[in-house]
Amino acid sequence: MLAILGLIVVCVILASKYQHDVLVYRETSHGLSYQDEAQQIRTPSQLAIEAQLGSFVKAIRNVPGVDYALVDQNVALALEMTVDVQPAHAHTDMIAYFTDKANNPKLLGAAGEVRTVLDPVIASPISANTWTLSWAEQVSKPGEKPSRSFHQGTLTIAPPTIATDPQLAAINPAGVEVVQADLHL
């Protein structure tokens, strides 16, 4: 009897030493869905959200001249990161923004304009899902001296979740979805 009790104690000690977390998930048509502790692990850090919001501003505002592949990449990122959630319509607004001739990066680049968002883009949370952003831009146009301007805006995001789909993770690793953008451009 004493030997069995000793064996049980040894098993409990070994089990506690080699204990590891179990992540509970289920596969859905949109990737993996996590629960409990696994969901907490999938919540991106504030730094990851800040970095992704900076990438969002750069995707919207940068005009890389006639590098149309980079223009397409930036537009795709901005559109991927926006969603229409009533009453807001950030995705529809983003399409309208890029369609407007005054903002179309391909037309601006073809005209010789180069606009660069300078680092850092400063993102500060106002609340859990609302952020203020501040950034500087440098604009170069043919025949003109380069100029700098400073901008500020507010973004409202859906509660972010780290992407599980490999393609989405490459584009938007923090899983940030902008539902309302007011960038005072």
Protein backbone atom coordinates (compact mmCIF):
# COMPACT_ATOMS: atom_id res chain seq x y z
CA MET A 1 0.00 0.00 0.00
CA LEU A 2 2.84 2.38 0.87
CA ALA A 3 4.51 1.62 -2.49
CA ILE A 4 1.32 2.53 -4.39
CA LEU A 5 0.97 5.78 -2.45
CA GLY A 6 4.62 6.60 -3.19
CA LEU A 7 4.09 5.87 -6.88
CA ILE A 8 1.07 8.20 -6.96
CA VAL A 9 3.07 11.01 -5.31
CA VAL A 10 5.90 10.56 -7.83
CA CYS A 11 3.43 10.63 -10.75
CA VAL A 12 1.81 13.82 -9.44
CA ILE A 13 5.20 15.51 -9.00
CA LEU A 14 6.32 14.50 -12.49
CA ALA A 15 3.03 15.59 -14.01
CA SER A 16 3.28 19.02 -12.38
CA LYS A 17 6.86 19.44 -13.66
CA TYR A 18 5.91 18.64 -17.25
CA GLN A 19 2.58 20.42 -17.24
CA HIS A 20 1.79 22.57 -20.28
CA ASP A 21 -1.11 24.69 -21.40
CA VAL A 22 -3.84 23.19 -23.51
CA LEU A 23 -5.22 25.52 -26.15
CA VAL A 24 -8.89 24.95 -26.91
CA TYR A 25 -9.86 25.70 -30.49
CA ARG A 26 -12.18 24.64 -33.26
CA GLU A 27 -11.76 24.93 -37.00
CA THR A 28 -14.21 27.19 -38.83
CA SER A 29 -14.54 28.32 -42.43
CA HIS A 30 -12.67 31.52 -41.45
CA GLY A 31 -9.74 29.76 -39.77
CA LEU A 32 -9.39 28.69 -36.18
CA SER A 33 -11.64 29.88 -33.35
CA TYR A 34 -10.04 29.94 -29.91
CA GLN A 35 -11.60 29.92 -26.42
CA ASP A 36 -10.63 30.86 -22.87
CA GLU A 37 -6.86 31.17 -22.27
CA ALA A 38 -6.13 30.59 -25.92
CA GLN A 39 -8.28 33.62 -26.79
CA GLN A 40 -6.25 35.75 -24.35
CA ILE A 41 -3.03 34.58 -26.00
CA ARG A 42 -4.45 35.59 -29.39
CA THR A 43 -5.14 39.16 -28.27
CA PRO A 44 -2.38 41.35 -29.75
CA SER A 45 -0.27 43.60 -27.55
CA GLN A 46 -0.70 47.36 -27.58
CA LEU A 47 2.65 47.68 -29.39
CA ALA A 48 1.45 45.32 -32.14
CA ILE A 49 -1.73 47.37 -32.57
CA GLU A 50 0.26 50.62 -32.68
CA ALA A 51 2.59 49.19 -35.34
CA GLN A 52 -0.32 47.97 -37.46
CA LEU A 53 -2.08 51.35 -37.20
CA GLY A 54 1.16 53.00 -38.36
CA SER A 55 1.25 50.64 -41.34
CA PHE A 56 -2.36 51.55 -42.10
CA VAL A 57 -1.58 55.30 -42.21
CA LYS A 58 1.47 54.68 -44.41
CA ALA A 59 -0.58 52.49 -46.76
CA ILE A 60 -3.12 55.28 -47.22
CA ARG A 61 -0.82 58.27 -47.45
CA ASN A 62 2.42 57.09 -49.11
CA VAL A 63 2.78 57.84 -52.83
CA PRO A 64 5.86 55.93 -54.02
CA GLY A 65 6.09 57.63 -57.40
CA VAL A 66 5.55 55.24 -60.29
CA ASP A 67 6.19 52.02 -58.34
CA TYR A 68 2.73 50.68 -59.14
CA ALA A 69 3.37 47.29 -57.50
CA LEU A 70 3.97 49.08 -54.18
CA VAL A 71 0.92 51.28 -54.78
CA ASP A 72 -1.21 48.16 -55.30
CA GLN A 73 0.25 46.59 -52.16
CA ASN A 74 -0.53 49.70 -50.09
CA VAL A 75 -4.10 49.97 -51.40
CA ALA A 76 -4.69 46.25 -50.76
CA LEU A 77 -3.47 46.63 -47.16
CA ALA A 78 -5.69 49.67 -46.52
CA LEU A 79 -8.73 47.90 -47.97
CA GLU A 80 -7.96 44.67 -46.09
CA MET A 81 -7.77 46.55 -42.80
CA THR A 82 -11.12 48.35 -43.17
CA VAL A 83 -14.63 46.98 -42.62
CA ASP A 84 -18.13 48.36 -42.87
CA VAL A 85 -19.82 47.97 -39.47
CA GLN A 86 -23.04 49.96 -39.18
CA PRO A 87 -23.36 52.84 -38.57
CA ALA A 88 -19.75 53.38 -39.76
CA HIS A 89 -18.55 52.52 -43.25
CA ALA A 90 -14.76 52.67 -43.26
CA HIS A 91 -14.30 50.20 -46.12
CA THR A 92 -16.69 52.06 -48.43
CA ASP A 93 -15.05 55.36 -47.46
CA MET A 94 -11.59 53.93 -48.24
CA ILE A 95 -12.71 52.84 -51.72
CA ALA A 96 -14.11 56.34 -52.33
CA TYR A 97 -10.87 57.91 -51.02
CA PHE A 98 -8.66 55.98 -53.47
CA THR A 99 -11.12 56.52 -56.34
CA ASP A 100 -10.99 60.32 -55.93
CA LYS A 101 -8.47 61.76 -58.42
CA ALA A 102 -7.01 64.01 -55.72
CA ASN A 103 -6.02 60.92 -53.64
CA ASN A 104 -5.37 58.24 -56.27
CA PRO A 105 -1.71 57.25 -55.67
CA LYS A 106 -1.21 56.05 -59.25
CA LEU A 107 -2.36 59.37 -60.71
CA LEU A 108 -0.33 61.37 -58.18
CA GLY A 109 2.77 59.24 -58.84
CA ALA A 110 2.37 59.57 -62.61
CA ALA A 111 2.28 63.36 -62.13
CA GLY A 112 5.65 63.12 -60.38
CA GLU A 113 4.52 63.47 -56.78
CA VAL A 114 6.29 61.46 -54.11
CA ARG A 115 4.79 61.51 -50.61
CA THR A 116 6.36 59.72 -47.70
CA VAL A 117 5.01 59.27 -44.18
CA LEU A 118 7.99 59.81 -41.91
CA ASP A 119 8.61 57.55 -38.92
CA PRO A 120 7.33 57.33 -36.33
CA VAL A 121 3.56 57.30 -36.64
CA ILE A 122 2.52 57.89 -33.03
CA ALA A 123 -0.59 55.98 -31.97
CA SER A 124 -2.14 56.54 -28.55
CA PRO A 125 -5.25 54.84 -27.22
CA ILE A 126 -8.15 57.06 -26.15
CA SER A 127 -10.22 54.03 -25.16
CA ALA A 128 -9.99 50.30 -25.77
CA ASN A 129 -10.91 50.65 -29.44
CA THR A 130 -10.31 54.33 -30.29
CA TRP A 131 -6.85 55.66 -31.09
CA THR A 132 -5.36 59.04 -31.98
CA LEU A 133 -2.56 59.07 -34.51
CA SER A 134 0.01 61.74 -35.29
CA TRP A 135 2.47 61.71 -38.17
CA ALA A 136 4.56 63.88 -40.47
CA GLU A 137 4.64 63.72 -44.26
CA GLN A 138 7.18 64.93 -46.75
CA VAL A 139 5.90 65.74 -50.24
CA SER A 140 8.03 66.26 -53.32
CA LYS A 141 6.52 67.59 -56.54
CA PRO A 142 8.33 68.31 -59.80
CA GLY A 143 9.77 71.82 -59.85
CA GLU A 144 8.95 72.51 -56.19
CA LYS A 145 10.94 72.42 -53.00
CA PRO A 146 10.00 69.42 -50.79
CA SER A 147 7.57 70.34 -48.05
CA ARG A 148 6.64 68.84 -44.70
CA SER A 149 3.24 68.74 -43.08
CA PHE A 150 1.95 67.36 -39.80
CA HIS A 151 -1.29 65.46 -39.43
CA GLN A 152 -3.47 63.99 -36.72
CA GLY A 153 -6.50 61.75 -36.80
CA THR A 154 -8.65 59.28 -34.97
CA LEU A 155 -9.31 55.63 -35.78
CA THR A 156 -11.89 53.33 -34.25
CA ILE A 157 -11.09 49.65 -34.52
CA ALA A 158 -12.95 46.42 -33.89
CA PRO A 159 -11.51 44.40 -30.98
CA PRO A 160 -8.38 42.95 -32.63
CA THR A 161 -7.51 39.28 -32.69
CA ILE A 162 -4.23 37.90 -34.01
CA ALA A 163 -4.84 36.44 -37.47
CA THR A 164 -4.89 32.64 -37.81
CA ASP A 165 -5.05 32.52 -41.60
CA PRO A 166 -1.46 32.57 -42.94
CA GLN A 167 -2.32 34.94 -45.82
CA LEU A 168 -4.07 37.41 -43.49
CA ALA A 169 -1.29 37.09 -40.92
CA ALA A 170 1.24 38.19 -43.53
CA ILE A 171 -0.81 41.31 -44.35
CA ASN A 172 -2.31 42.20 -40.96
CA PRO A 173 -0.61 40.21 -38.18
CA ALA A 174 -2.32 42.06 -35.30
CA GLY A 175 -5.75 41.51 -36.87
CA VAL A 176 -6.62 45.22 -36.71
CA GLU A 177 -9.85 46.15 -38.49
CA VAL A 178 -10.63 49.86 -38.83
CA VAL A 179 -14.36 50.54 -38.57
CA GLN A 180 -14.15 54.36 -38.61
CA ALA A 181 -11.38 56.66 -39.79
CA ASP A 182 -11.16 60.41 -39.34
CA LEU A 183 -7.64 61.32 -40.43
CA HIS A 184 -8.11 65.09 -41.08
CA LEU A 185 -6.38 64.93 -44.46
